[in-house]
Amino acid sequence: MTTDFVIQTVELVIARYPNSKRIAVENFVMSADVTSNFGNDYLNNLSADAISYKWNTDTVSAIKEAFVILSSQNSRNNYIKLNEI
């Protein structure tokens, strides 16, 4: 998966959740291992960070949606057009 696709995905979810905190979404998504299975560790990390940093609902939703897109992309192993999501 290319960095460009990850950046495009971040841009897409930020546009969909305009009240999200851009830096939080960028940092969380860019620092995670999108090739792994997003299980309990991912959700625990997200929950802990959301509480610690007082992220709003849009921020958490944007991060979750980004990982749905990226994990879906990773499992299919072919690119999807972002405007078709």
N, C-alpha and C. Protein backbone atom coordinates (compact mmCIF):
# COMPACT_ATOMS: atom_id res chain seq x y z
N MET A 1 0.85 -1.17 0.00
CA MET A 1 0.00 0.00 0.00
C MET A 1 0.89 1.23 0.00
N THR A 2 0.57 2.17 -0.85
CA THR A 2 1.44 3.33 -0.96
C THR A 2 1.06 4.42 0.05
N THR A 3 2.05 5.21 0.37
CA THR A 3 1.81 6.35 1.26
C THR A 3 0.81 7.30 0.64
N ASP A 4 0.85 7.46 -0.69
CA ASP A 4 -0.11 8.35 -1.35
C ASP A 4 -1.54 7.91 -1.10
N PHE A 5 -1.79 6.59 -1.16
CA PHE A 5 -3.14 6.10 -0.92
C PHE A 5 -3.57 6.37 0.52
N VAL A 6 -2.66 6.20 1.45
CA VAL A 6 -2.97 6.47 2.86
C VAL A 6 -3.29 7.96 3.04
N ILE A 7 -2.51 8.82 2.42
CA ILE A 7 -2.75 10.26 2.52
C ILE A 7 -4.09 10.63 1.89
N GLN A 8 -4.41 10.05 0.74
CA GLN A 8 -5.70 10.30 0.09
C GLN A 8 -6.85 9.84 0.97
N THR A 9 -6.67 8.72 1.63
CA THR A 9 -7.70 8.20 2.52
C THR A 9 -7.91 9.15 3.69
N VAL A 10 -6.83 9.64 4.27
CA VAL A 10 -6.92 10.61 5.38
C VAL A 10 -7.67 11.85 4.91
N GLU A 11 -7.34 12.35 3.73
CA GLU A 11 -8.02 13.54 3.19
C GLU A 11 -9.51 13.28 3.01
N LEU A 12 -9.84 12.10 2.52
CA LEU A 12 -11.25 11.74 2.30
C LEU A 12 -12.03 11.75 3.61
N VAL A 13 -11.49 11.10 4.63
CA VAL A 13 -12.25 11.00 5.89
C VAL A 13 -12.32 12.35 6.61
N ILE A 14 -11.29 13.16 6.47
CA ILE A 14 -11.33 14.50 7.06
C ILE A 14 -12.42 15.33 6.39
N ALA A 15 -12.57 15.17 5.08
CA ALA A 15 -13.64 15.88 4.36
C ALA A 15 -15.01 15.39 4.80
N ARG A 16 -15.13 14.11 5.07
CA ARG A 16 -16.42 13.55 5.50
C ARG A 16 -16.76 13.91 6.94
N TYR A 17 -15.76 14.15 7.74
CA TYR A 17 -15.95 14.51 9.15
C TYR A 17 -15.27 15.85 9.39
N PRO A 18 -15.93 16.94 9.01
CA PRO A 18 -15.28 18.25 9.03
C PRO A 18 -14.90 18.75 10.42
N ASN A 19 -15.50 18.21 11.46
CA ASN A 19 -15.15 18.63 12.82
C ASN A 19 -14.05 17.77 13.44
N SER A 20 -13.48 16.88 12.63
CA SER A 20 -12.40 16.04 13.16
C SER A 20 -11.13 16.87 13.31
N LYS A 21 -10.29 16.41 14.21
CA LYS A 21 -9.00 17.07 14.44
C LYS A 21 -7.99 16.47 13.47
N ARG A 22 -7.63 17.27 12.47
CA ARG A 22 -6.78 16.80 11.38
C ARG A 22 -5.49 16.15 11.87
N ILE A 23 -4.80 16.81 12.76
CA ILE A 23 -3.51 16.28 13.22
C ILE A 23 -3.70 14.93 13.91
N ALA A 24 -4.75 14.80 14.69
CA ALA A 24 -5.00 13.53 15.37
C ALA A 24 -5.26 12.42 14.36
N VAL A 25 -6.09 12.70 13.36
CA VAL A 25 -6.40 11.70 12.34
C VAL A 25 -5.12 11.34 11.57
N GLU A 26 -4.40 12.34 11.11
CA GLU A 26 -3.17 12.08 10.36
C GLU A 26 -2.18 11.24 11.18
N ASN A 27 -1.93 11.67 12.39
CA ASN A 27 -0.92 10.98 13.21
C ASN A 27 -1.33 9.56 13.54
N PHE A 28 -2.57 9.35 13.93
CA PHE A 28 -3.00 8.01 14.32
C PHE A 28 -2.98 7.07 13.13
N VAL A 29 -3.52 7.53 12.01
CA VAL A 29 -3.59 6.66 10.83
C VAL A 29 -2.21 6.41 10.24
N MET A 30 -1.40 7.45 10.14
CA MET A 30 -0.08 7.29 9.52
C MET A 30 0.88 6.46 10.38
N SER A 31 0.64 6.42 11.68
CA SER A 31 1.56 5.68 12.54
C SER A 31 1.16 4.23 12.76
N ALA A 32 -0.03 3.86 12.35
CA ALA A 32 -0.50 2.50 12.58
C ALA A 32 -0.02 1.56 11.48
N ASP A 33 0.03 0.30 11.81
CA ASP A 33 0.41 -0.73 10.85
C ASP A 33 -0.86 -1.19 10.13
N VAL A 34 -1.10 -0.62 8.95
CA VAL A 34 -2.33 -0.93 8.23
C VAL A 34 -2.32 -2.31 7.61
N THR A 35 -1.20 -3.00 7.67
CA THR A 35 -1.15 -4.36 7.12
C THR A 35 -1.58 -5.40 8.15
N SER A 36 -1.72 -4.97 9.39
CA SER A 36 -2.11 -5.93 10.43
C SER A 36 -3.62 -6.01 10.55
N ASN A 37 -4.06 -6.96 11.32
CA ASN A 37 -5.48 -7.11 11.60
C ASN A 37 -5.86 -6.10 12.68
N PHE A 38 -6.82 -5.26 12.39
CA PHE A 38 -7.22 -4.23 13.36
C PHE A 38 -8.19 -4.84 14.37
N GLY A 39 -7.63 -5.44 15.38
CA GLY A 39 -8.44 -6.10 16.39
C GLY A 39 -8.53 -5.30 17.66
N ASN A 40 -8.55 -6.00 18.76
CA ASN A 40 -8.72 -5.37 20.07
C ASN A 40 -7.62 -4.38 20.42
N ASP A 41 -6.39 -4.67 20.04
CA ASP A 41 -5.29 -3.74 20.34
C ASP A 41 -5.53 -2.38 19.69
N TYR A 42 -5.93 -2.41 18.43
CA TYR A 42 -6.22 -1.17 17.73
C TYR A 42 -7.35 -0.40 18.41
N LEU A 43 -8.44 -1.10 18.73
CA LEU A 43 -9.59 -0.45 19.35
C LEU A 43 -9.26 0.07 20.75
N ASN A 44 -8.47 -0.69 21.50
CA ASN A 44 -8.05 -0.23 22.83
C ASN A 44 -7.18 1.01 22.73
N ASN A 45 -6.26 1.01 21.79
CA ASN A 45 -5.41 2.17 21.57
C ASN A 45 -6.22 3.39 21.18
N LEU A 46 -7.15 3.19 20.26
CA LEU A 46 -7.99 4.29 19.80
C LEU A 46 -8.82 4.83 20.95
N SER A 47 -9.41 3.95 21.73
CA SER A 47 -10.23 4.39 22.87
C SER A 47 -9.39 5.14 23.90
N ALA A 48 -8.23 4.60 24.21
CA ALA A 48 -7.36 5.26 25.19
C ALA A 48 -6.91 6.63 24.72
N ASP A 49 -6.50 6.72 23.46
CA ASP A 49 -6.07 8.01 22.92
C ASP A 49 -7.23 9.00 22.86
N ALA A 50 -8.40 8.53 22.47
CA ALA A 50 -9.57 9.42 22.39
C ALA A 50 -9.90 10.03 23.75
N ILE A 51 -9.77 9.23 24.79
CA ILE A 51 -10.02 9.73 26.15
C ILE A 51 -8.90 10.66 26.59
N SER A 52 -7.66 10.23 26.40
CA SER A 52 -6.51 11.03 26.84
C SER A 52 -6.46 12.40 26.18
N TYR A 53 -6.72 12.42 24.88
CA TYR A 53 -6.58 13.67 24.13
C TYR A 53 -7.90 14.40 23.93
N LYS A 54 -8.97 13.84 24.50
CA LYS A 54 -10.31 14.46 24.42
C LYS A 54 -10.75 14.68 22.97
N TRP A 55 -10.59 13.63 22.16
CA TRP A 55 -11.01 13.70 20.77
C TRP A 55 -12.52 13.70 20.69
N ASN A 56 -13.06 14.47 19.74
CA ASN A 56 -14.50 14.50 19.54
C ASN A 56 -14.94 13.29 18.71
N THR A 57 -16.24 13.14 18.57
CA THR A 57 -16.81 12.00 17.85
C THR A 57 -16.37 11.98 16.39
N ASP A 58 -16.31 13.14 15.75
CA ASP A 58 -15.87 13.18 14.35
C ASP A 58 -14.45 12.66 14.19
N THR A 59 -13.58 12.98 15.13
CA THR A 59 -12.19 12.53 15.04
C THR A 59 -12.12 11.01 15.14
N VAL A 60 -12.81 10.45 16.09
CA VAL A 60 -12.81 8.99 16.27
C VAL A 60 -13.46 8.31 15.05
N SER A 61 -14.55 8.87 14.57
CA SER A 61 -15.22 8.29 13.39
C SER A 61 -14.34 8.36 12.16
N ALA A 62 -13.63 9.46 11.98
CA ALA A 62 -12.73 9.60 10.83
C ALA A 62 -11.62 8.56 10.88
N ILE A 63 -11.06 8.36 12.05
CA ILE A 63 -9.99 7.36 12.20
C ILE A 63 -10.52 5.96 11.91
N LYS A 64 -11.68 5.64 12.46
CA LYS A 64 -12.26 4.32 12.23
C LYS A 64 -12.54 4.10 10.75
N GLU A 65 -13.11 5.10 10.09
CA GLU A 65 -13.42 4.96 8.66
C GLU A 65 -12.15 4.81 7.84
N ALA A 66 -11.11 5.54 8.18
CA ALA A 66 -9.84 5.42 7.47
C ALA A 66 -9.33 3.98 7.56
N PHE A 67 -9.43 3.38 8.72
CA PHE A 67 -8.94 2.02 8.87
C PHE A 67 -9.82 1.00 8.18
N VAL A 68 -11.11 1.28 8.08
CA VAL A 68 -11.99 0.39 7.31
C VAL A 68 -11.56 0.41 5.85
N ILE A 69 -11.33 1.61 5.33
CA ILE A 69 -10.91 1.75 3.93
C ILE A 69 -9.56 1.09 3.71
N LEU A 70 -8.61 1.38 4.58
CA LEU A 70 -7.25 0.85 4.40
C LEU A 70 -7.19 -0.65 4.61
N SER A 71 -7.90 -1.18 5.57
CA SER A 71 -7.87 -2.63 5.78
C SER A 71 -8.58 -3.35 4.64
N SER A 72 -9.64 -2.74 4.13
CA SER A 72 -10.34 -3.30 2.98
C SER A 72 -9.41 -3.32 1.77
N GLN A 73 -8.71 -2.22 1.58
CA GLN A 73 -7.76 -2.11 0.48
C GLN A 73 -6.66 -3.15 0.61
N ASN A 74 -6.16 -3.30 1.81
CA ASN A 74 -5.08 -4.25 2.04
C ASN A 74 -5.52 -5.68 1.77
N SER A 75 -6.72 -6.03 2.20
CA SER A 75 -7.18 -7.41 2.02
C SER A 75 -7.51 -7.72 0.57
N ARG A 76 -7.98 -6.75 -0.18
CA ARG A 76 -8.27 -6.97 -1.60
C ARG A 76 -7.01 -6.92 -2.45
N ASN A 77 -6.05 -6.16 -1.94
CA ASN A 77 -4.75 -6.05 -2.62
C ASN A 77 -4.86 -5.43 -4.02
N ASN A 78 -5.85 -4.56 -4.20
CA ASN A 78 -5.90 -3.76 -5.42
C ASN A 78 -6.56 -2.44 -5.06
N TYR A 79 -6.24 -1.41 -5.79
CA TYR A 79 -6.68 -0.07 -5.42
C TYR A 79 -8.14 0.15 -5.78
N ILE A 80 -8.79 0.90 -4.90
CA ILE A 80 -10.15 1.32 -5.16
C ILE A 80 -10.12 2.82 -5.42
N LYS A 81 -11.07 3.30 -6.16
CA LYS A 81 -11.14 4.72 -6.43
C LYS A 81 -11.84 5.39 -5.25
N LEU A 82 -11.18 6.36 -4.68
CA LEU A 82 -11.72 7.00 -3.48
C LEU A 82 -13.07 7.63 -3.72
N ASN A 83 -13.32 8.14 -4.91
CA ASN A 83 -14.60 8.78 -5.15
C ASN A 83 -15.75 7.80 -5.31
N GLU A 84 -15.46 6.52 -5.31
CA GLU A 84 -16.50 5.50 -5.38
C GLU A 84 -16.85 4.93 -4.02
N ILE A 85 -16.17 5.36 -3.00
CA ILE A 85 -16.40 4.82 -1.65
C ILE A 85 -17.66 5.42 -1.09
